[in-house]
Every structure is written in C-alpha cells, then in structure tokens.
Amino acid sequence: MSDTRSAAGDPELTTYRDVQLSPDFTELRRRFRRFVFPMTGLFLAWYFLYVLLADYAPGFMSQRVGGNINVALLLGLGQFVSTFAITMIYVRWADKEIDPAAEKMRDLIEGTDK
C-alpha cells in the first residue's frame, strides 16, 4: 500500500481506495455484516410479530396478566427492552471485534502504523 500524502500531510484518495480494496477491510466489512444483518432481521421479525399480533389477535393481546397489565403492554415494553439489549450486545461485540480492526485500518490510512 502506498503512503502518498498531500502537502498538508493528509493521505491522498488513492490510499483510501487501497484500504477499501485490501483484504483486511473486506474482512472487517464481512464481520460487521455477519453480525448486523442477522440481528436486524431478528429485531424486525420480533417487531412485525408484535404489530401483527396487535392487528390480528386482539383477544390474545388484551389478555390480562395482572391488574391492568395485559399481554400487549408486556410485549410493547419488551420492544424497548430488546432495543436496549441489542444496543448493549452490539457495543460489547464492536469493542471486541470491530474497533481494533478499524483502528488498525485508520492507522494504515493515517500512516501512524504501530
């Protein structure tokens, strides 16, 4: 990979293209997609299940669980809980799997290879 820099010290665009075409960047994108796409699909399936149940199964959704708490309320709160859980899982995963590789790629681009 060439380390060509402009007079201001910024890497030229060909460096970015070189990085984008590198096997390391390809692997980084692959790892990211292998986590994000399935997680997004699972969340969307869970969300659409909730919407479909609300529309087509009102009897089930209105079943009281205790007091004024019904199934719809619990599943609705579950949407918030699952959103926060997915966020926490992603942050931990990215800290371990993505960030070190992304930092390495940044160092290559900026020419501060360690």
PDB file of N, CA and C in Angstrom:
ATOM      1  N   MET A   1       0.852  -1.159   0.000  1.00  0.00           N
ATOM      2  CA  MET A   1       0.000   0.000   0.000  1.00  0.00           C
ATOM      3  C   MET A   1       0.902   1.227   0.000  1.00  0.00           C
ATOM      4  N   SER A   2       0.618   2.160  -0.862  1.00  0.00           N
ATOM      5  CA  SER A   2       1.453   3.350  -0.950  1.00  0.00           C
ATOM      6  C   SER A   2       1.038   4.364   0.105  1.00  0.00           C
ATOM      7  N   ASP A   3       2.007   5.121   0.586  1.00  0.00           N
ATOM      8  CA  ASP A   3       1.721   6.160   1.577  1.00  0.00           C
ATOM      9  C   ASP A   3       2.003   7.509   0.942  1.00  0.00           C
ATOM     10  N   THR A   4       1.148   7.900   0.003  1.00  0.00           N
ATOM     11  CA  THR A   4       1.296   9.188  -0.657  1.00  0.00           C
ATOM     12  C   THR A   4       0.474  10.205   0.094  1.00  0.00           C
ATOM     13  N   ARG A   5       1.105  11.346   0.378  1.00  0.00           N
ATOM     14  CA  ARG A   5       0.431  12.390   1.153  1.00  0.00           C
ATOM     15  C   ARG A   5       0.501  13.706   0.391  1.00  0.00           C
ATOM     16  N   SER A   6      -0.515  14.522   0.639  1.00  0.00           N
ATOM     17  CA  SER A   6      -0.534  15.850   0.045  1.00  0.00           C
ATOM     18  C   SER A   6       0.419  16.747   0.819  1.00  0.00           C
ATOM     19  N   ALA A   7       0.580  17.963   0.361  1.00  0.00           N
ATOM     20  CA  ALA A   7       1.474  18.910   1.026  1.00  0.00           C
ATOM     21  C   ALA A   7       1.012  19.190   2.457  1.00  0.00           C
ATOM     22  N   ALA A   8      -0.290  19.088   2.707  1.00  0.00           N
ATOM     23  CA  ALA A   8      -0.826  19.346   4.040  1.00  0.00           C
ATOM     24  C   ALA A   8      -0.641  18.147   4.963  1.00  0.00           C
ATOM     25  N   GLY A   9      -0.143  17.029   4.431  1.00  0.00           N
ATOM     26  CA  GLY A   9       0.075  15.848   5.251  1.00  0.00           C
ATOM     27  C   GLY A   9      -1.105  14.880   5.270  1.00  0.00           C
ATOM     28  N   ASP A  10      -2.190  15.227   4.586  1.00  0.00           N
ATOM     29  CA  ASP A  10      -3.353  14.344   4.534  1.00  0.00           C
ATOM     30  C   ASP A  10      -3.122  13.251   3.492  1.00  0.00           C
ATOM     31  N   PRO A  11      -3.584  12.023   3.769  1.00  0.00           N
ATOM     32  CA  PRO A  11      -3.429  10.963   2.775  1.00  0.00           C
ATOM     33  C   PRO A  11      -4.251  11.270   1.527  1.00  0.00           C
ATOM     34  N   GLU A  12      -3.729  10.887   0.384  1.00  0.00           N
ATOM     35  CA  GLU A  12      -4.457  11.109  -0.866  1.00  0.00           C
ATOM     36  C   GLU A  12      -5.550  10.065  -1.013  1.00  0.00           C
ATOM     37  N   LEU A  13      -6.498  10.330  -1.898  1.00  0.00           N
ATOM     38  CA  LEU A  13      -7.642   9.438  -2.058  1.00  0.00           C
ATOM     39  C   LEU A  13      -7.239   8.035  -2.479  1.00  0.00           C
ATOM     40  N   THR A  14      -6.139   7.876  -3.201  1.00  0.00           N
ATOM     41  CA  THR A  14      -5.739   6.534  -3.612  1.00  0.00           C
ATOM     42  C   THR A  14      -5.431   5.659  -2.400  1.00  0.00           C
ATOM     43  N   THR A  15      -4.986   6.249  -1.310  1.00  0.00           N
ATOM     44  CA  THR A  15      -4.737   5.484  -0.094  1.00  0.00           C
ATOM     45  C   THR A  15      -6.045   4.896   0.419  1.00  0.00           C
ATOM     46  N   TYR A  16      -7.105   5.686   0.421  1.00  0.00           N
ATOM     47  CA  TYR A  16      -8.406   5.192   0.859  1.00  0.00           C
ATOM     48  C   TYR A  16      -8.887   4.061  -0.049  1.00  0.00           C
ATOM     49  N   ARG A  17      -8.677   4.229  -1.336  1.00  0.00           N
ATOM     50  CA  ARG A  17      -9.077   3.176  -2.278  1.00  0.00           C
ATOM     51  C   ARG A  17      -8.264   1.917  -2.021  1.00  0.00           C
ATOM     52  N   ASP A  18      -6.971   2.089  -1.777  1.00  0.00           N
ATOM     53  CA  ASP A  18      -6.132   0.924  -1.473  1.00  0.00           C
ATOM     54  C   ASP A  18      -6.647   0.208  -0.225  1.00  0.00           C
ATOM     55  N   VAL A  19      -7.004   0.973   0.782  1.00  0.00           N
ATOM     56  CA  VAL A  19      -7.521   0.376   2.024  1.00  0.00           C
ATOM     57  C   VAL A  19      -8.846  -0.315   1.759  1.00  0.00           C
ATOM     58  N   GLN A  20      -9.710   0.339   1.000  1.00  0.00           N
ATOM     59  CA  GLN A  20     -11.019  -0.234   0.713  1.00  0.00           C
ATOM     60  C   GLN A  20     -10.900  -1.561  -0.035  1.00  0.00           C
ATOM     61  N   LEU A  21      -9.903  -1.680  -0.868  1.00  0.00           N
ATOM     62  CA  LEU A  21      -9.717  -2.905  -1.644  1.00  0.00           C
ATOM     63  C   LEU A  21      -8.876  -3.949  -0.915  1.00  0.00           C
ATOM     64  N   SER A  22      -8.364  -3.614   0.252  1.00  0.00           N
ATOM     65  CA  SER A  22      -7.489  -4.529   0.978  1.00  0.00           C
ATOM     66  C   SER A  22      -8.277  -5.686   1.588  1.00  0.00           C
ATOM     67  N   PRO A  23      -7.629  -6.837   1.745  1.00  0.00           N
ATOM     68  CA  PRO A  23      -8.283  -7.984   2.386  1.00  0.00           C
ATOM     69  C   PRO A  23      -8.707  -7.692   3.828  1.00  0.00           C
ATOM     70  N   ASP A  24      -7.935  -6.869   4.545  1.00  0.00           N
ATOM     71  CA  ASP A  24      -8.295  -6.532   5.920  1.00  0.00           C
ATOM     72  C   ASP A  24      -9.622  -5.785   5.981  1.00  0.00           C
ATOM     73  N   PHE A  25      -9.811  -4.836   5.078  1.00  0.00           N
ATOM     74  CA  PHE A  25     -11.059  -4.072   5.052  1.00  0.00           C
ATOM     75  C   PHE A  25     -12.226  -4.960   4.637  1.00  0.00           C
ATOM     76  N   THR A  26     -11.990  -5.827   3.672  1.00  0.00           N
ATOM     77  CA  THR A  26     -13.022  -6.765   3.238  1.00  0.00           C
ATOM     78  C   THR A  26     -13.450  -7.657   4.395  1.00  0.00           C
ATOM     79  N   GLU A  27     -12.488  -8.130   5.180  1.00  0.00           N
ATOM     80  CA  GLU A  27     -12.793  -8.972   6.342  1.00  0.00           C
ATOM     81  C   GLU A  27     -13.550  -8.168   7.401  1.00  0.00           C
ATOM     82  N   LEU A  28     -13.172  -6.927   7.604  1.00  0.00           N
ATOM     83  CA  LEU A  28     -13.859  -6.066   8.567  1.00  0.00           C
ATOM     84  C   LEU A  28     -15.321  -5.880   8.171  1.00  0.00           C
ATOM     85  N   ARG A  29     -15.562  -5.598   6.911  1.00  0.00           N
ATOM     86  CA  ARG A  29     -16.943  -5.453   6.434  1.00  0.00           C
ATOM     87  C   ARG A  29     -17.713  -6.757   6.564  1.00  0.00           C
ATOM     88  N   ARG A  30     -17.077  -7.888   6.279  1.00  0.00           N
ATOM     89  CA  ARG A  30     -17.731  -9.194   6.370  1.00  0.00           C
ATOM     90  C   ARG A  30     -18.151  -9.470   7.811  1.00  0.00           C
ATOM     91  N   ARG A  31     -17.244  -9.227   8.755  1.00  0.00           N
ATOM     92  CA  ARG A  31     -17.567  -9.455  10.169  1.00  0.00           C
ATOM     93  C   ARG A  31     -18.710  -8.558  10.622  1.00  0.00           C
ATOM     94  N   PHE A  32     -18.669  -7.295  10.202  1.00  0.00           N
ATOM     95  CA  PHE A  32     -19.726  -6.360  10.560  1.00  0.00           C
ATOM     96  C   PHE A  32     -21.076  -6.834  10.030  1.00  0.00           C
ATOM     97  N   ARG A  33     -21.110  -7.209   8.763  1.00  0.00           N
ATOM     98  CA  ARG A  33     -22.358  -7.647   8.152  1.00  0.00           C
ATOM     99  C   ARG A  33     -22.870  -8.953   8.747  1.00  0.00           C
ATOM    100  N   ARG A  34     -21.971  -9.855   9.105  1.00  0.00           N
ATOM    101  CA  ARG A  34     -22.399 -11.128   9.688  1.00  0.00           C
ATOM    102  C   ARG A  34     -23.051 -10.948  11.046  1.00  0.00           C
ATOM    103  N   PHE A  35     -22.771  -9.862  11.713  1.00  0.00           N
ATOM    104  CA  PHE A  35     -23.430  -9.576  12.988  1.00  0.00           C
ATOM    105  C   PHE A  35     -24.679  -8.718  12.785  1.00  0.00           C
ATOM    106  N   VAL A  36     -24.542  -7.633  12.055  1.00  0.00           N
ATOM    107  CA  VAL A  36     -25.599  -6.633  11.969  1.00  0.00           C
ATOM    108  C   VAL A  36     -26.818  -7.123  11.188  1.00  0.00           C
ATOM    109  N   PHE A  37     -26.616  -7.766  10.055  1.00  0.00           N
ATOM    110  CA  PHE A  37     -27.766  -8.184   9.248  1.00  0.00           C
ATOM    111  C   PHE A  37     -28.645  -9.205   9.971  1.00  0.00           C
ATOM    112  N   PRO A  38     -28.083 -10.276  10.539  1.00  0.00           N
ATOM    113  CA  PRO A  38     -28.961 -11.200  11.273  1.00  0.00           C
ATOM    114  C   PRO A  38     -29.641 -10.537  12.480  1.00  0.00           C
ATOM    115  N   MET A  39     -28.920  -9.705  13.205  1.00  0.00           N
ATOM    116  CA  MET A  39     -29.508  -9.042  14.371  1.00  0.00           C
ATOM    117  C   MET A  39     -30.645  -8.123  13.935  1.00  0.00           C
ATOM    118  N   THR A  40     -30.455  -7.408  12.853  1.00  0.00           N
ATOM    119  CA  THR A  40     -31.508  -6.539  12.326  1.00  0.00           C
ATOM    120  C   THR A  40     -32.709  -7.363  11.893  1.00  0.00           C
ATOM    121  N   GLY A  41     -32.463  -8.469  11.213  1.00  0.00           N
ATOM    122  CA  GLY A  41     -33.554  -9.349  10.780  1.00  0.00           C
ATOM    123  C   GLY A  41     -34.346  -9.894  11.952  1.00  0.00           C
ATOM    124  N   LEU A  42     -33.637 -10.325  12.998  1.00  0.00           N
ATOM    125  CA  LEU A  42     -34.328 -10.838  14.184  1.00  0.00           C
ATOM    126  C   LEU A  42     -35.176  -9.751  14.851  1.00  0.00           C
ATOM    127  N   PHE A  43     -34.624  -8.562  14.966  1.00  0.00           N
ATOM    128  CA  PHE A  43     -35.384  -7.490  15.597  1.00  0.00           C
ATOM    129  C   PHE A  43     -36.600  -7.125  14.765  1.00  0.00           C
ATOM    130  N   LEU A  44     -36.452  -7.028  13.441  1.00  0.00           N
ATOM    131  CA  LEU A  44     -37.592  -6.684  12.589  1.00  0.00           C
ATOM    132  C   LEU A  44     -38.667  -7.763  12.648  1.00  0.00           C
ATOM    133  N   ALA A  45     -38.256  -9.025  12.684  1.00  0.00           N
ATOM    134  CA  ALA A  45     -39.230 -10.118  12.808  1.00  0.00           C
ATOM    135  C   ALA A  45     -39.995  -9.988  14.125  1.00  0.00           C
ATOM    136  N   TRP A  46     -39.285  -9.709  15.205  1.00  0.00           N
ATOM    137  CA  TRP A  46     -39.903  -9.535  16.519  1.00  0.00           C
ATOM    138  C   TRP A  46     -40.853  -8.339  16.499  1.00  0.00           C
ATOM    139  N   TYR A  47     -40.443  -7.245  15.874  1.00  0.00           N
ATOM    140  CA  TYR A  47     -41.288  -6.052  15.797  1.00  0.00           C
ATOM    141  C   TYR A  47     -42.549  -6.339  14.975  1.00  0.00           C
ATOM    142  N   PHE A  48     -42.396  -6.954  13.801  1.00  0.00           N
ATOM    143  CA  PHE A  48     -43.558  -7.233  12.958  1.00  0.00           C
ATOM    144  C   PHE A  48     -44.489  -8.260  13.607  1.00  0.00           C
ATOM    145  N   LEU A  49     -43.940  -9.199  14.356  1.00  0.00           N
ATOM    146  CA  LEU A  49     -44.781 -10.123  15.109  1.00  0.00           C
ATOM    147  C   LEU A  49     -45.666  -9.342  16.084  1.00  0.00           C
ATOM    148  N   TYR A  50     -45.084  -8.395  16.775  1.00  0.00           N
ATOM    149  CA  TYR A  50     -45.844  -7.555  17.712  1.00  0.00           C
ATOM    150  C   TYR A  50     -46.953  -6.795  16.981  1.00  0.00           C
ATOM    151  N   VAL A  51     -46.627  -6.192  15.847  1.00  0.00           N
ATOM    152  CA  VAL A  51     -47.612  -5.431  15.079  1.00  0.00           C
ATOM    153  C   VAL A  51     -48.718  -6.350  14.571  1.00  0.00           C
ATOM    154  N   LEU A  52     -48.334  -7.512  14.043  1.00  0.00           N
ATOM    155  CA  LEU A  52     -49.339  -8.448  13.531  1.00  0.00           C
ATOM    156  C   LEU A  52     -50.241  -8.981  14.639  1.00  0.00           C
ATOM    157  N   LEU A  53     -49.659  -9.282  15.779  1.00  0.00           N
ATOM    158  CA  LEU A  53     -50.477  -9.727  16.910  1.00  0.00           C
ATOM    159  C   LEU A  53     -51.444  -8.630  17.346  1.00  0.00           C
ATOM    160  N   ALA A  54     -50.987  -7.397  17.370  1.00  0.00           N
ATOM    161  CA  ALA A  54     -51.853  -6.290  17.762  1.00  0.00           C
ATOM    162  C   ALA A  54     -53.009  -6.124  16.787  1.00  0.00           C
ATOM    163  N   ASP A  55     -52.750  -6.389  15.507  1.00  0.00           N
ATOM    164  CA  ASP A  55     -53.784  -6.200  14.492  1.00  0.00           C
ATOM    165  C   ASP A  55     -54.708  -7.411  14.360  1.00  0.00           C
ATOM    166  N   TYR A  56     -54.134  -8.613  14.377  1.00  0.00           N
ATOM    167  CA  TYR A  56     -54.912  -9.814  14.069  1.00  0.00           C
ATOM    168  C   TYR A  56     -55.252 -10.684  15.276  1.00  0.00           C
ATOM    169  N   ALA A  57     -54.717 -10.389  16.442  1.00  0.00           N
ATOM    170  CA  ALA A  57     -55.005 -11.192  17.631  1.00  0.00           C
ATOM    171  C   ALA A  57     -55.326 -10.289  18.831  1.00  0.00           C
ATOM    172  N   PRO A  58     -56.336  -9.442  18.676  1.00  0.00           N
ATOM    173  CA  PRO A  58     -56.649  -8.528  19.779  1.00  0.00           C
ATOM    174  C   PRO A  58     -57.093  -9.262  21.045  1.00  0.00           C
ATOM    175  N   GLY A  59     -57.732 -10.413  20.888  1.00  0.00           N
ATOM    176  CA  GLY A  59     -58.145 -11.181  22.061  1.00  0.00           C
ATOM    177  C   GLY A  59     -56.951 -11.640  22.874  1.00  0.00           C
ATOM    178  N   PHE A  60     -55.929 -12.135  22.184  1.00  0.00           N
ATOM    179  CA  PHE A  60     -54.708 -12.573  22.856  1.00  0.00           C
ATOM    180  C   PHE A  60     -53.991 -11.396  23.505  1.00  0.00           C
ATOM    181  N   MET A  61     -53.879 -10.305  22.758  1.00  0.00           N
ATOM    182  CA  MET A  61     -53.136  -9.149  23.253  1.00  0.00           C
ATOM    183  C   MET A  61     -53.843  -8.481  24.436  1.00  0.00           C
ATOM    184  N   SER A  62     -55.155  -8.624  24.533  1.00  0.00           N
ATOM    185  CA  SER A  62     -55.880  -7.979  25.628  1.00  0.00           C
ATOM    186  C   SER A  62     -56.013  -8.866  26.864  1.00  0.00           C
ATOM    187  N   GLN A  63     -55.435 -10.054  26.820  1.00  0.00           N
ATOM    188  CA  GLN A  63     -55.468 -10.940  27.980  1.00  0.00           C
ATOM    189  C   GLN A  63     -54.761 -10.258  29.152  1.00  0.00           C
ATOM    190  N   ARG A  64     -55.449 -10.200  30.273  1.00  0.00           N
ATOM    191  CA  ARG A  64     -54.862  -9.583  31.469  1.00  0.00           C
ATOM    192  C   ARG A  64     -53.870 -10.553  32.110  1.00  0.00           C
ATOM    193  N   VAL A  65     -52.730  -9.992  32.494  1.00  0.00           N
ATOM    194  CA  VAL A  65     -51.695 -10.768  33.166  1.00  0.00           C
ATOM    195  C   VAL A  65     -51.786 -10.530  34.668  1.00  0.00           C
ATOM    196  N   GLY A  66     -52.114  -9.337  35.016  1.00  0.00           N
ATOM    197  CA  GLY A  66     -52.268  -8.973  36.427  1.00  0.00           C
ATOM    198  C   GLY A  66     -52.686  -7.532  36.536  1.00  0.00           C
ATOM    199  N   GLY A  67     -53.753  -7.249  37.262  1.00  0.00           N
ATOM    200  CA  GLY A  67     -54.233  -5.878  37.393  1.00  0.00           C
ATOM    201  C   GLY A  67     -54.607  -5.309  36.044  1.00  0.00           C
ATOM    202  N   ASN A  68     -54.057  -4.139  35.715  1.00  0.00           N
ATOM    203  CA  ASN A  68     -54.304  -3.513  34.414  1.00  0.00           C
ATOM    204  C   ASN A  68     -53.221  -3.854  33.391  1.00  0.00           C
ATOM    205  N   ILE A  69     -52.382  -4.807  33.709  1.00  0.00           N
ATOM    206  CA  ILE A  69     -51.291  -5.213  32.812  1.00  0.00           C
ATOM    207  C   ILE A  69     -51.806  -6.317  31.891  1.00  0.00           C
ATOM    208  N   ASN A  70     -51.658  -6.095  30.574  1.00  0.00           N
ATOM    209  CA  ASN A  70     -52.065  -7.130  29.627  1.00  0.00           C
ATOM    210  C   ASN A  70     -50.875  -7.557  28.770  1.00  0.00           C
ATOM    211  N   VAL A  71     -51.104  -8.560  27.924  1.00  0.00           N
ATOM    212  CA  VAL A  71     -50.032  -9.112  27.081  1.00  0.00           C
ATOM    213  C   VAL A  71     -49.465  -8.030  26.162  1.00  0.00           C
ATOM    214  N   ALA A  72     -50.319  -7.195  25.589  1.00  0.00           N
ATOM    215  CA  ALA A  72     -49.851  -6.148  24.672  1.00  0.00           C
ATOM    216  C   ALA A  72     -48.880  -5.201  25.365  1.00  0.00           C
ATOM    217  N   LEU A  73     -49.184  -4.824  26.583  1.00  0.00           N
ATOM    218  CA  LEU A  73     -48.303  -3.923  27.323  1.00  0.00           C
ATOM    219  C   LEU A  73     -46.954  -4.589  27.592  1.00  0.00           C
ATOM    220  N   LEU A  74     -46.984  -5.844  27.990  1.00  0.00           N
ATOM    221  CA  LEU A  74     -45.724  -6.554  28.244  1.00  0.00           C
ATOM    222  C   LEU A  74     -44.885  -6.699  26.975  1.00  0.00           C
ATOM    223  N   LEU A  75     -45.543  -7.064  25.867  1.00  0.00           N
ATOM    224  CA  LEU A  75     -44.797  -7.192  24.608  1.00  0.00           C
ATOM    225  C   LEU A  75     -44.294  -5.832  24.121  1.00  0.00           C
ATOM    226  N   GLY A  76     -45.072  -4.777  24.330  1.00  0.00           N
ATOM    227  CA  GLY A  76     -44.630  -3.429  23.960  1.00  0.00           C
ATOM    228  C   GLY A  76     -43.413  -2.997  24.761  1.00  0.00           C
ATOM    229  N   LEU A  77     -43.446  -3.261  26.049  1.00  0.00           N
ATOM    230  CA  LEU A  77     -42.272  -2.958  26.880  1.00  0.00           C
ATOM    231  C   LEU A  77     -41.090  -3.839  26.473  1.00  0.00           C
ATOM    232  N   GLY A  78     -41.392  -5.061  26.049  1.00  0.00           N
ATOM    233  CA  GLY A  78     -40.345  -5.955  25.554  1.00  0.00           C
ATOM    234  C   GLY A  78     -39.632  -5.397  24.334  1.00  0.00           C
ATOM    235  N   GLN A  79     -40.339  -4.617  23.530  1.00  0.00           N
ATOM    236  CA  GLN A  79     -39.709  -3.969  22.375  1.00  0.00           C
ATOM    237  C   GLN A  79     -38.609  -3.004  22.840  1.00  0.00           C
ATOM    238  N   PHE A  80     -38.900  -2.233  23.879  1.00  0.00           N
ATOM    239  CA  PHE A  80     -37.898  -1.317  24.412  1.00  0.00           C
ATOM    240  C   PHE A  80     -36.734  -2.081  25.035  1.00  0.00           C
ATOM    241  N   VAL A  81     -37.059  -3.094  25.804  1.00  0.00           N
ATOM    242  CA  VAL A  81     -36.013  -3.891  26.452  1.00  0.00           C
ATOM    243  C   VAL A  81     -35.110  -4.530  25.392  1.00  0.00           C
ATOM    244  N   SER A  82     -35.712  -5.092  24.346  1.00  0.00           N
ATOM    245  CA  SER A  82     -34.903  -5.746  23.309  1.00  0.00           C
ATOM    246  C   SER A  82     -34.042  -4.731  22.559  1.00  0.00           C
ATOM    247  N   THR A  83     -34.543  -3.526  22.362  1.00  0.00           N
ATOM    248  CA  THR A  83     -33.747  -2.485  21.697  1.00  0.00           C
ATOM    249  C   THR A  83     -32.505  -2.152  22.516  1.00  0.00           C
ATOM    250  N   PHE A  84     -32.690  -1.961  23.823  1.00  0.00           N
ATOM    251  CA  PHE A  84     -31.540  -1.665  24.681  1.00  0.00           C
ATOM    252  C   PHE A  84     -30.596  -2.859  24.767  1.00  0.00           C
ATOM    253  N   ALA A  85     -31.135  -4.059  24.815  1.00  0.00           N
ATOM    254  CA  ALA A  85     -30.293  -5.262  24.879  1.00  0.00           C
ATOM    255  C   ALA A  85     -29.457  -5.403  23.608  1.00  0.00           C
ATOM    256  N   ILE A  86     -30.076  -5.205  22.459  1.00  0.00           N
ATOM    257  CA  ILE A  86     -29.342  -5.299  21.191  1.00  0.00           C
ATOM    258  C   ILE A  86     -28.246  -4.246  21.144  1.00  0.00           C
ATOM    259  N   THR A  87     -28.549  -3.041  21.622  1.00  0.00           N
ATOM    260  CA  THR A  87     -27.538  -1.985  21.638  1.00  0.00           C
ATOM    261  C   THR A  87     -26.356  -2.373  22.515  1.00  0.00           C
ATOM    262  N   MET A  88     -26.634  -2.893  23.706  1.00  0.00           N
ATOM    263  CA  MET A  88     -25.545  -3.295  24.609  1.00  0.00           C
ATOM    264  C   MET A  88     -24.735  -4.458  24.015  1.00  0.00           C
ATOM    265  N   ILE A  89     -25.416  -5.415  23.417  1.00  0.00           N
ATOM    266  CA  ILE A  89     -24.716  -6.542  22.790  1.00  0.00           C
ATOM    267  C   ILE A  89     -23.831  -6.041  21.664  1.00  0.00           C
ATOM    268  N   TYR A  90     -24.357  -5.138  20.826  1.00  0.00           N
ATOM    269  CA  TYR A  90     -23.573  -4.619  19.714  1.00  0.00           C
ATOM    270  C   TYR A  90     -22.349  -3.847  20.207  1.00  0.00           C
ATOM    271  N   VAL A  91     -22.529  -3.005  21.208  1.00  0.00           N
ATOM    272  CA  VAL A  91     -21.403  -2.206  21.708  1.00  0.00           C
ATOM    273  C   VAL A  91     -20.296  -3.111  22.229  1.00  0.00           C
ATOM    274  N   ARG A  92     -20.659  -4.120  23.015  1.00  0.00           N
ATOM    275  CA  ARG A  92     -19.642  -5.052  23.523  1.00  0.00           C
ATOM    276  C   ARG A  92     -18.965  -5.804  22.392  1.00  0.00           C
ATOM    277  N   TRP A  93     -19.764  -6.263  21.427  1.00  0.00           N
ATOM    278  CA  TRP A  93     -19.211  -7.004  20.297  1.00  0.00           C
ATOM    279  C   TRP A  93     -18.289  -6.113  19.471  1.00  0.00           C
ATOM    280  N   ALA A  94     -18.729  -4.883  19.184  1.00  0.00           N
ATOM    281  CA  ALA A  94     -17.922  -3.970  18.373  1.00  0.00           C
ATOM    282  C   ALA A  94     -16.628  -3.602  19.079  1.00  0.00           C
ATOM    283  N   ASP A  95     -16.687  -3.395  20.396  1.00  0.00           N
ATOM    284  CA  ASP A  95     -15.475  -3.087  21.149  1.00  0.00           C
ATOM    285  C   ASP A  95     -14.437  -4.194  21.001  1.00  0.00           C
ATOM    286  N   LYS A  96     -14.905  -5.424  20.952  1.00  0.00           N
ATOM    287  CA  LYS A  96     -14.001  -6.570  20.904  1.00  0.00           C
ATOM    288  C   LYS A  96     -13.609  -6.961  19.478  1.00  0.00           C
ATOM    289  N   GLU A  97     -14.564  -6.911  18.550  1.00  0.00           N
ATOM    290  CA  GLU A  97     -14.348  -7.459  17.210  1.00  0.00           C
ATOM    291  C   GLU A  97     -14.065  -6.422  16.123  1.00  0.00           C
ATOM    292  N   ILE A  98     -14.711  -5.291  16.199  1.00  0.00           N
ATOM    293  CA  ILE A  98     -14.635  -4.315  15.104  1.00  0.00           C
ATOM    294  C   ILE A  98     -13.647  -3.196  15.385  1.00  0.00           C
ATOM    295  N   ASP A  99     -13.711  -2.637  16.581  1.00  0.00           N
ATOM    296  CA  ASP A  99     -12.893  -1.461  16.881  1.00  0.00           C
ATOM    297  C   ASP A  99     -11.392  -1.694  16.716  1.00  0.00           C
ATOM    298  N   PRO A 100     -10.830  -2.815  17.184  1.00  0.00           N
ATOM    299  CA  PRO A 100      -9.390  -2.999  16.980  1.00  0.00           C
ATOM    300  C   PRO A 100      -9.006  -3.062  15.493  1.00  0.00           C
ATOM    301  N   ALA A 101      -9.817  -3.743  14.703  1.00  0.00           N
ATOM    302  CA  ALA A 101      -9.526  -3.823  13.265  1.00  0.00           C
ATOM    303  C   ALA A 101      -9.718  -2.465  12.598  1.00  0.00           C
ATOM    304  N   ALA A 102     -10.739  -1.721  13.009  1.00  0.00           N
ATOM    305  CA  ALA A 102     -10.967  -0.388  12.437  1.00  0.00           C
ATOM    306  C   ALA A 102      -9.835   0.564  12.814  1.00  0.00           C
ATOM    307  N   GLU A 103      -9.344   0.433  14.034  1.00  0.00           N
ATOM    308  CA  GLU A 103      -8.218   1.273  14.453  1.00  0.00           C
ATOM    309  C   GLU A 103      -6.974   0.953  13.636  1.00  0.00           C
ATOM    310  N   LYS A 104      -6.763  -0.323  13.373  1.00  0.00           N
ATOM    311  CA  LYS A 104      -5.626  -0.724  12.537  1.00  0.00           C
ATOM    312  C   LYS A 104      -5.761  -0.129  11.136  1.00  0.00           C
ATOM    313  N   MET A 105      -6.977  -0.167  10.588  1.00  0.00           N
ATOM    314  CA  MET A 105      -7.194   0.405   9.260  1.00  0.00           C
ATOM    315  C   MET A 105      -6.962   1.920   9.289  1.00  0.00           C
ATOM    316  N   ARG A 106      -7.414   2.591  10.346  1.00  0.00           N
ATOM    317  CA  ARG A 106      -7.198   4.032  10.463  1.00  0.00           C
ATOM    318  C   ARG A 106      -5.708   4.353  10.531  1.00  0.00           C
ATOM    319  N   ASP A 107      -4.971   3.552  11.302  1.00  0.00           N
ATOM    320  CA  ASP A 107      -3.532   3.768  11.404  1.00  0.00           C
ATOM    321  C   ASP A 107      -2.852   3.599  10.046  1.00  0.00           C
ATOM    322  N   LEU A 108      -3.318   2.628   9.276  1.00  0.00           N
ATOM    323  CA  LEU A 108      -2.759   2.436   7.923  1.00  0.00           C
ATOM    324  C   LEU A 108      -3.034   3.644   7.046  1.00  0.00           C
ATOM    325  N   ILE A 109      -4.241   4.174   7.124  1.00  0.00           N
ATOM    326  CA  ILE A 109      -4.607   5.326   6.294  1.00  0.00           C
ATOM    327  C   ILE A 109      -3.818   6.564   6.717  1.00  0.00           C
ATOM    328  N   GLU A 110      -3.735   6.767   8.027  1.00  0.00           N
ATOM    329  CA  GLU A 110      -3.067   7.975   8.531  1.00  0.00           C
ATOM    330  C   GLU A 110      -1.550   7.835   8.543  1.00  0.00           C
ATOM    331  N   GLY A 111      -1.065   6.641   8.332  1.00  0.00           N
ATOM    332  CA  GLY A 111       0.377   6.429   8.305  1.00  0.00           C
ATOM    333  C   GLY A 111       1.001   6.396   9.684  1.00  0.00           C
ATOM    334  N   THR A 112       0.211   6.097  10.692  1.00  0.00           N
ATOM    335  CA  THR A 112       0.734   6.007  12.057  1.00  0.00           C
ATOM    336  C   THR A 112       0.802   4.558  12.489  1.00  0.00           C
ATOM    337  N   ASP A 113       1.164   3.686  11.560  1.00  0.00           N
ATOM    338  CA  ASP A 113       1.268   2.242  11.824  1.00  0.00           C
ATOM    339  C   ASP A 113       2.086   1.977  13.066  1.00  0.00           C
ATOM    340  N   LYS A 114       1.560   1.122  13.943  1.00  0.00           N
ATOM    341  CA  LYS A 114       2.265   0.803  15.190  1.00  0.00           C
ATOM    342  C   LYS A 114       2.955  -0.524  15.074  1.00  0.00           C
TER     343      LYS A 114
END
